Amino acid sequence: MWTMTKKHRDFVSEPMGHKFVRDLPGIGDVLGRKLGSQGFNKASDLLAKFLQLTQDHERFIEWLKVNVGANAHKAKLCTQCLQDWCDNNL
């Protein structure tokens, strides 16, 4: 069982607004820069990709690993947070 981090709780409990991709759990400076270089600067940009992949966790995790070099753990943290945000807000 995993423990939800403060970063996760804060992200999920608030509107998407103008949050940056680095506000997502699992996404720090390095992955944030890599995502930004591909046009994913805002968390809403990454949410759009998650929704485009029909919230398929395996496909989105693989996409993060292949396209920005995220490790499995960081990709799962980000994916779970986006899913929880969707569950709470969509």
C-alpha atoms as a PDB file:
ATOM      1  CA  MET A   1       0.000   0.000   0.000  1.00  0.00           C
ATOM      2  CA  TRP A   2       1.285   3.459  -0.826  1.00  0.00           C
ATOM      3  CA  THR A   3       1.012   6.661   1.140  1.00  0.00           C
ATOM      4  CA  MET A   4      -0.314   9.714  -0.633  1.00  0.00           C
ATOM      5  CA  THR A   5       2.200  12.564  -0.530  1.00  0.00           C
ATOM      6  CA  LYS A   6       1.358  16.166   0.268  1.00  0.00           C
ATOM      7  CA  LYS A   7       2.184  17.064  -3.334  1.00  0.00           C
ATOM      8  CA  HIS A   8      -0.362  14.488  -4.521  1.00  0.00           C
ATOM      9  CA  ARG A   9      -3.054  15.592  -2.051  1.00  0.00           C
ATOM     10  CA  ASP A  10      -2.564  19.255  -2.962  1.00  0.00           C
ATOM     11  CA  PHE A  11      -2.675  18.602  -6.688  1.00  0.00           C
ATOM     12  CA  VAL A  12      -5.788  16.428  -6.554  1.00  0.00           C
ATOM     13  CA  SER A  13      -7.715  18.726  -4.213  1.00  0.00           C
ATOM     14  CA  GLU A  14      -7.360  21.877  -6.323  1.00  0.00           C
ATOM     15  CA  PRO A  15      -8.588  22.948  -9.763  1.00  0.00           C
ATOM     16  CA  MET A  16      -6.122  22.407 -12.604  1.00  0.00           C
ATOM     17  CA  GLY A  17      -5.826  26.137 -13.265  1.00  0.00           C
ATOM     18  CA  HIS A  18      -2.387  27.147 -14.460  1.00  0.00           C
ATOM     19  CA  LYS A  19      -0.415  24.483 -12.608  1.00  0.00           C
ATOM     20  CA  PHE A  20       2.912  23.568 -14.089  1.00  0.00           C
ATOM     21  CA  VAL A  21       3.814  20.042 -15.076  1.00  0.00           C
ATOM     22  CA  ARG A  22       6.370  20.048 -12.226  1.00  0.00           C
ATOM     23  CA  ASP A  23       3.493  20.331  -9.762  1.00  0.00           C
ATOM     24  CA  LEU A  24       2.651  16.696 -10.520  1.00  0.00           C
ATOM     25  CA  PRO A  25       4.119  13.987  -8.295  1.00  0.00           C
ATOM     26  CA  GLY A  26       6.932  12.165 -10.032  1.00  0.00           C
ATOM     27  CA  ILE A  27       7.779  15.148 -12.211  1.00  0.00           C
ATOM     28  CA  GLY A  28      10.745  17.168 -11.017  1.00  0.00           C
ATOM     29  CA  ASP A  29      13.062  19.616 -12.717  1.00  0.00           C
ATOM     30  CA  VAL A  30      14.695  17.155 -15.127  1.00  0.00           C
ATOM     31  CA  LEU A  31      11.499  15.496 -16.359  1.00  0.00           C
ATOM     32  CA  GLY A  32       9.765  18.875 -16.305  1.00  0.00           C
ATOM     33  CA  ARG A  33      12.367  20.299 -18.694  1.00  0.00           C
ATOM     34  CA  LYS A  34      12.100  17.274 -20.968  1.00  0.00           C
ATOM     35  CA  LEU A  35       8.321  17.546 -21.040  1.00  0.00           C
ATOM     36  CA  GLY A  36       8.553  21.290 -21.622  1.00  0.00           C
ATOM     37  CA  SER A  37      10.829  20.787 -24.614  1.00  0.00           C
ATOM     38  CA  GLN A  38       8.046  18.664 -26.104  1.00  0.00           C
ATOM     39  CA  GLY A  39       5.364  21.292 -25.464  1.00  0.00           C
ATOM     40  CA  PHE A  40       4.063  19.931 -22.166  1.00  0.00           C
ATOM     41  CA  ASN A  41       4.645  22.922 -19.881  1.00  0.00           C
ATOM     42  CA  LYS A  42       1.362  22.965 -18.000  1.00  0.00           C
ATOM     43  CA  ALA A  43      -0.191  20.114 -16.063  1.00  0.00           C
ATOM     44  CA  SER A  44      -3.263  20.524 -18.255  1.00  0.00           C
ATOM     45  CA  ASP A  45      -1.103  19.672 -21.292  1.00  0.00           C
ATOM     46  CA  LEU A  46      -0.107  16.397 -19.679  1.00  0.00           C
ATOM     47  CA  LEU A  47      -3.695  15.769 -18.575  1.00  0.00           C
ATOM     48  CA  ALA A  48      -4.746  16.157 -22.213  1.00  0.00           C
ATOM     49  CA  LYS A  49      -2.227  13.474 -23.232  1.00  0.00           C
ATOM     50  CA  PHE A  50      -3.509  11.202 -20.445  1.00  0.00           C
ATOM     51  CA  LEU A  51      -7.077  11.673 -21.680  1.00  0.00           C
ATOM     52  CA  GLN A  52      -5.990  11.197 -25.299  1.00  0.00           C
ATOM     53  CA  LEU A  53      -4.641   7.800 -24.260  1.00  0.00           C
ATOM     54  CA  THR A  54      -8.092   7.133 -22.748  1.00  0.00           C
ATOM     55  CA  GLN A  55      -6.726   7.103 -19.190  1.00  0.00           C
ATOM     56  CA  ASP A  56      -4.963   3.832 -19.969  1.00  0.00           C
ATOM     57  CA  HIS A  57      -2.378   3.643 -17.190  1.00  0.00           C
ATOM     58  CA  GLU A  58      -0.089   1.190 -18.940  1.00  0.00           C
ATOM     59  CA  ARG A  59       0.020   3.204 -22.178  1.00  0.00           C
ATOM     60  CA  PHE A  60       0.565   6.505 -20.354  1.00  0.00           C
ATOM     61  CA  ILE A  61       3.314   5.072 -18.142  1.00  0.00           C
ATOM     62  CA  GLU A  62       5.024   3.646 -21.197  1.00  0.00           C
ATOM     63  CA  TRP A  63       4.669   6.990 -22.980  1.00  0.00           C
ATOM     64  CA  LEU A  64       6.340   8.790 -20.060  1.00  0.00           C
ATOM     65  CA  LYS A  65       9.140   6.236 -19.951  1.00  0.00           C
ATOM     66  CA  VAL A  66       9.834   6.292 -23.702  1.00  0.00           C
ATOM     67  CA  ASN A  67       9.313  10.000 -24.420  1.00  0.00           C
ATOM     68  CA  VAL A  68      10.861  11.678 -21.377  1.00  0.00           C
ATOM     69  CA  GLY A  69      12.878   8.955 -19.712  1.00  0.00           C
ATOM     70  CA  ALA A  70      10.766   8.657 -16.567  1.00  0.00           C
ATOM     71  CA  ASN A  71      11.465   5.599 -14.483  1.00  0.00           C
ATOM     72  CA  ALA A  72       8.579   3.271 -13.646  1.00  0.00           C
ATOM     73  CA  HIS A  73       8.095   4.666 -10.134  1.00  0.00           C
ATOM     74  CA  LYS A  74       7.904   8.319 -11.211  1.00  0.00           C
ATOM     75  CA  ALA A  75       5.657   7.469 -14.150  1.00  0.00           C
ATOM     76  CA  LYS A  76       3.268   5.602 -11.833  1.00  0.00           C
ATOM     77  CA  LEU A  77       3.163   8.494  -9.332  1.00  0.00           C
ATOM     78  CA  CYS A  78       2.272  10.942 -12.087  1.00  0.00           C
ATOM     79  CA  THR A  79      -0.300   8.618 -13.642  1.00  0.00           C
ATOM     80  CA  GLN A  80      -2.042   7.887 -10.345  1.00  0.00           C
ATOM     81  CA  CYS A  81      -2.226  11.574  -9.548  1.00  0.00           C
ATOM     82  CA  LEU A  82      -3.797  12.395 -12.911  1.00  0.00           C
ATOM     83  CA  GLN A  83      -6.281   9.558 -12.451  1.00  0.00           C
ATOM     84  CA  ASP A  84      -7.190  10.746  -8.957  1.00  0.00           C
ATOM     85  CA  TRP A  85      -7.583  14.303 -10.241  1.00  0.00           C
ATOM     86  CA  CYS A  86      -9.916  13.057 -12.978  1.00  0.00           C
ATOM     87  CA  ASP A  87     -11.916  11.009 -10.482  1.00  0.00           C
ATOM     88  CA  ASN A  88     -12.369  14.096  -8.275  1.00  0.00           C
ATOM     89  CA  ASN A  89     -12.917  16.723 -10.944  1.00  0.00           C
ATOM     90  CA  LEU A  90     -14.382  15.256 -14.136  1.00  0.00           C
END
